[in-house]
């Protein structure tokens, strides 16, 4: 699953891409969670937020996230960009 560019869906329906540290580096990142600022080797890229969270922060986000259909356009743009950059 990690780093395979295989999308998953959050419980609310958002598109998520599991990423490895190597993927994050390709995107210009340093392996730091966008939520808690802790270092990690595995991330969940949340297209609608254009952010990569560690597993713990992703699980916390998923408990409060709400699905807004009007955000799907920007989510899709972000997801496609990330897929292109890490392929």
N, C-alpha and C. Protein backbone atom coordinates (compact mmCIF):
# COMPACT_ATOMS: atom_id res chain seq x y z
N UNK A 1 0.82 -1.19 0.00
CA UNK A 1 0.00 0.00 0.00
C UNK A 1 0.86 1.26 0.00
N UNK A 2 1.86 1.33 0.86
CA UNK A 2 2.64 2.56 0.99
C UNK A 2 3.47 2.81 -0.25
N UNK A 3 3.31 4.00 -0.81
CA UNK A 3 4.11 4.41 -1.94
C UNK A 3 3.72 3.77 -3.26
N UNK A 4 2.58 3.08 -3.30
CA UNK A 4 2.18 2.42 -4.54
C UNK A 4 1.36 3.34 -5.44
N UNK A 5 1.06 4.55 -4.98
CA UNK A 5 0.20 5.52 -5.66
C UNK A 5 -1.23 5.01 -5.77
N UNK A 6 -1.54 3.95 -5.05
CA UNK A 6 -2.91 3.45 -5.04
C UNK A 6 -3.74 4.29 -4.08
N UNK A 7 -4.76 4.90 -4.62
CA UNK A 7 -5.62 5.76 -3.79
C UNK A 7 -6.51 4.92 -2.89
N UNK A 8 -6.82 5.50 -1.76
CA UNK A 8 -7.85 4.95 -0.89
C UNK A 8 -8.85 6.07 -0.63
N UNK A 9 -9.95 5.75 -0.04
CA UNK A 9 -10.95 6.76 0.32
C UNK A 9 -11.04 6.84 1.84
N UNK A 10 -11.15 8.06 2.34
CA UNK A 10 -11.38 8.22 3.77
C UNK A 10 -12.81 7.79 4.07
N UNK A 11 -13.14 7.69 5.33
CA UNK A 11 -14.49 7.31 5.72
C UNK A 11 -15.53 8.27 5.16
N UNK A 12 -15.14 9.53 4.97
CA UNK A 12 -16.06 10.54 4.45
C UNK A 12 -16.12 10.57 2.93
N UNK A 13 -15.15 9.94 2.28
CA UNK A 13 -15.13 9.92 0.82
C UNK A 13 -14.01 10.71 0.17
N UNK A 14 -13.14 11.30 0.97
CA UNK A 14 -12.01 12.04 0.40
C UNK A 14 -10.98 11.09 -0.18
N UNK A 15 -10.27 11.54 -1.22
CA UNK A 15 -9.21 10.75 -1.86
C UNK A 15 -7.91 10.92 -1.08
N UNK A 16 -7.27 9.79 -0.76
CA UNK A 16 -6.05 9.75 0.04
C UNK A 16 -5.01 8.92 -0.71
N UNK A 17 -3.74 9.34 -0.65
CA UNK A 17 -2.65 8.55 -1.22
C UNK A 17 -1.64 8.25 -0.10
N UNK A 18 -1.44 6.97 0.22
CA UNK A 18 -0.38 6.63 1.18
C UNK A 18 0.99 6.89 0.53
N UNK A 19 1.86 7.61 1.23
CA UNK A 19 3.18 7.96 0.70
C UNK A 19 4.28 7.51 1.63
N UNK A 20 5.44 7.23 1.05
CA UNK A 20 6.63 6.90 1.83
C UNK A 20 7.48 8.16 1.98
N UNK A 21 8.49 8.08 2.80
CA UNK A 21 9.43 9.19 2.96
C UNK A 21 10.06 9.54 1.62
N UNK A 22 10.39 8.54 0.82
CA UNK A 22 10.97 8.77 -0.50
C UNK A 22 10.02 9.59 -1.38
N UNK A 23 8.73 9.29 -1.33
CA UNK A 23 7.74 10.06 -2.09
C UNK A 23 7.70 11.51 -1.62
N UNK A 24 7.73 11.69 -0.32
CA UNK A 24 7.68 13.05 0.25
C UNK A 24 8.89 13.86 -0.21
N UNK A 25 10.04 13.23 -0.24
CA UNK A 25 11.26 13.92 -0.69
C UNK A 25 11.13 14.32 -2.17
N UNK A 26 10.53 13.45 -2.99
CA UNK A 26 10.30 13.80 -4.41
C UNK A 26 9.41 15.03 -4.53
N UNK A 27 8.52 15.21 -3.57
CA UNK A 27 7.62 16.36 -3.59
C UNK A 27 8.25 17.61 -2.99
N UNK A 28 9.50 17.49 -2.53
CA UNK A 28 10.20 18.63 -1.95
C UNK A 28 10.05 18.76 -0.45
N UNK A 29 9.51 17.72 0.18
CA UNK A 29 9.32 17.74 1.64
C UNK A 29 10.50 17.15 2.38
N UNK A 30 10.41 17.17 3.70
CA UNK A 30 11.50 16.70 4.56
C UNK A 30 11.11 15.54 5.45
N UNK A 31 9.92 14.98 5.29
CA UNK A 31 9.49 13.87 6.12
C UNK A 31 8.91 14.33 7.45
N UNK A 32 8.29 15.48 7.44
CA UNK A 32 7.69 16.05 8.64
C UNK A 32 6.17 16.13 8.43
N UNK A 33 5.43 15.65 9.39
CA UNK A 33 3.96 15.68 9.33
C UNK A 33 3.48 17.13 9.27
N UNK A 34 2.56 17.40 8.36
CA UNK A 34 2.02 18.75 8.21
C UNK A 34 1.10 19.15 9.36
N UNK A 35 0.75 18.21 10.21
CA UNK A 35 -0.13 18.53 11.33
C UNK A 35 0.65 18.69 12.64
N UNK A 36 1.41 17.66 13.02
CA UNK A 36 2.07 17.69 14.34
C UNK A 36 3.55 18.03 14.28
N UNK A 37 4.11 18.13 13.07
CA UNK A 37 5.53 18.46 12.86
C UNK A 37 6.50 17.38 13.34
N UNK A 38 6.02 16.17 13.56
CA UNK A 38 6.90 15.06 13.93
C UNK A 38 7.44 14.41 12.65
N UNK A 39 8.63 13.83 12.74
CA UNK A 39 9.17 13.12 11.58
C UNK A 39 8.50 11.76 11.45
N UNK A 40 8.45 11.27 10.22
CA UNK A 40 7.81 9.98 9.96
C UNK A 40 8.38 9.39 8.69
N UNK A 41 8.16 8.10 8.50
CA UNK A 41 8.57 7.42 7.28
C UNK A 41 7.38 7.09 6.38
N UNK A 42 6.17 7.19 6.96
CA UNK A 42 4.95 6.89 6.22
C UNK A 42 3.96 8.03 6.42
N UNK A 43 3.27 8.38 5.34
CA UNK A 43 2.36 9.51 5.36
C UNK A 43 1.07 9.18 4.63
N UNK A 44 0.04 9.93 4.95
CA UNK A 44 -1.22 9.86 4.23
C UNK A 44 -1.41 11.24 3.60
N UNK A 45 -1.35 11.30 2.26
CA UNK A 45 -1.55 12.56 1.57
C UNK A 45 -3.05 12.79 1.42
N UNK A 46 -3.51 13.92 1.95
CA UNK A 46 -4.92 14.28 1.93
C UNK A 46 -5.09 15.35 0.85
N UNK A 47 -5.61 14.93 -0.29
CA UNK A 47 -5.70 15.83 -1.44
C UNK A 47 -6.47 17.11 -1.18
N UNK A 48 -7.58 17.02 -0.49
CA UNK A 48 -8.40 18.20 -0.25
C UNK A 48 -7.67 19.24 0.61
N UNK A 49 -6.76 18.78 1.47
CA UNK A 49 -5.98 19.70 2.30
C UNK A 49 -4.63 20.04 1.69
N UNK A 50 -4.23 19.28 0.66
CA UNK A 50 -2.89 19.39 0.08
C UNK A 50 -1.84 19.25 1.18
N UNK A 51 -2.04 18.25 2.03
CA UNK A 51 -1.16 18.02 3.17
C UNK A 51 -0.88 16.53 3.35
N UNK A 52 0.28 16.24 3.92
CA UNK A 52 0.67 14.87 4.23
C UNK A 52 0.77 14.73 5.75
N UNK A 53 -0.04 13.84 6.29
CA UNK A 53 -0.10 13.62 7.74
C UNK A 53 0.50 12.27 8.09
N UNK A 54 1.10 12.19 9.27
CA UNK A 54 1.53 10.90 9.80
C UNK A 54 0.26 10.09 10.09
N UNK A 55 0.42 8.82 10.34
CA UNK A 55 -0.74 7.95 10.55
C UNK A 55 -1.60 8.41 11.73
N UNK A 56 -0.97 8.80 12.81
CA UNK A 56 -1.71 9.23 14.00
C UNK A 56 -2.57 10.47 13.70
N UNK A 57 -1.96 11.46 13.07
CA UNK A 57 -2.70 12.69 12.76
C UNK A 57 -3.79 12.43 11.72
N UNK A 58 -3.49 11.55 10.76
CA UNK A 58 -4.51 11.21 9.77
C UNK A 58 -5.73 10.59 10.45
N UNK A 59 -5.50 9.66 11.36
CA UNK A 59 -6.61 9.02 12.06
C UNK A 59 -7.41 10.03 12.87
N UNK A 60 -6.74 10.99 13.47
CA UNK A 60 -7.45 12.05 14.21
C UNK A 60 -8.26 12.92 13.26
N UNK A 61 -7.66 13.30 12.14
CA UNK A 61 -8.36 14.13 11.16
C UNK A 61 -9.60 13.41 10.64
N UNK A 62 -9.46 12.12 10.40
CA UNK A 62 -10.56 11.36 9.83
C UNK A 62 -11.79 11.33 10.76
N UNK A 63 -11.58 11.49 12.05
CA UNK A 63 -12.72 11.48 12.97
C UNK A 63 -13.53 12.77 12.92
N UNK A 64 -12.94 13.85 12.42
CA UNK A 64 -13.65 15.14 12.41
C UNK A 64 -13.89 15.70 11.01
N UNK A 65 -13.25 15.12 10.00
CA UNK A 65 -13.37 15.64 8.64
C UNK A 65 -14.80 15.54 8.13
N UNK A 66 -15.19 16.52 7.33
CA UNK A 66 -16.51 16.53 6.70
C UNK A 66 -16.32 16.62 5.20
N UNK A 67 -17.19 15.96 4.49
CA UNK A 67 -17.12 15.95 3.03
C UNK A 67 -17.93 17.10 2.46
N UNK A 68 -17.28 17.92 1.63
CA UNK A 68 -17.95 19.04 0.96
C UNK A 68 -17.75 18.86 -0.54
N UNK A 69 -18.80 18.53 -1.27
CA UNK A 69 -18.68 18.29 -2.72
C UNK A 69 -18.05 19.45 -3.49
N UNK A 70 -18.23 20.66 -3.01
CA UNK A 70 -17.66 21.81 -3.73
C UNK A 70 -16.13 21.82 -3.70
N UNK A 71 -15.51 21.00 -2.86
CA UNK A 71 -14.05 20.93 -2.79
C UNK A 71 -13.45 19.85 -3.68
N UNK A 72 -14.27 19.07 -4.35
CA UNK A 72 -13.78 17.95 -5.15
C UNK A 72 -12.86 18.42 -6.28
N UNK A 73 -13.15 19.55 -6.88
CA UNK A 73 -12.31 20.05 -8.00
C UNK A 73 -10.87 20.29 -7.55
N UNK A 74 -10.70 20.98 -6.44
CA UNK A 74 -9.34 21.26 -5.97
C UNK A 74 -8.67 19.99 -5.46
N UNK A 75 -9.44 19.11 -4.84
CA UNK A 75 -8.90 17.83 -4.39
C UNK A 75 -8.34 17.06 -5.58
N UNK A 76 -9.09 16.97 -6.66
CA UNK A 76 -8.66 16.23 -7.86
C UNK A 76 -7.40 16.84 -8.45
N UNK A 77 -7.35 18.16 -8.52
CA UNK A 77 -6.16 18.86 -9.04
C UNK A 77 -4.93 18.50 -8.19
N UNK A 78 -5.06 18.55 -6.88
CA UNK A 78 -3.93 18.23 -5.99
C UNK A 78 -3.50 16.78 -6.11
N UNK A 79 -4.46 15.86 -6.16
CA UNK A 79 -4.15 14.43 -6.27
C UNK A 79 -3.41 14.15 -7.58
N UNK A 80 -3.88 14.68 -8.68
CA UNK A 80 -3.24 14.43 -9.97
C UNK A 80 -1.82 15.01 -10.00
N UNK A 81 -1.62 16.16 -9.41
CA UNK A 81 -0.29 16.76 -9.34
C UNK A 81 0.67 15.86 -8.57
N UNK A 82 0.24 15.39 -7.41
CA UNK A 82 1.10 14.53 -6.58
C UNK A 82 1.42 13.23 -7.32
N UNK A 83 0.45 12.64 -7.95
CA UNK A 83 0.70 11.41 -8.70
C UNK A 83 1.74 11.64 -9.80
N UNK A 84 1.62 12.76 -10.49
CA UNK A 84 2.57 13.08 -11.55
C UNK A 84 3.99 13.28 -10.98
N UNK A 85 4.09 13.95 -9.87
CA UNK A 85 5.40 14.25 -9.28
C UNK A 85 6.11 13.02 -8.74
N UNK A 86 5.38 12.05 -8.22
CA UNK A 86 6.04 10.90 -7.61
C UNK A 86 6.15 9.70 -8.54
N UNK A 87 5.59 9.81 -9.75
CA UNK A 87 5.68 8.67 -10.68
C UNK A 87 7.02 8.60 -11.36
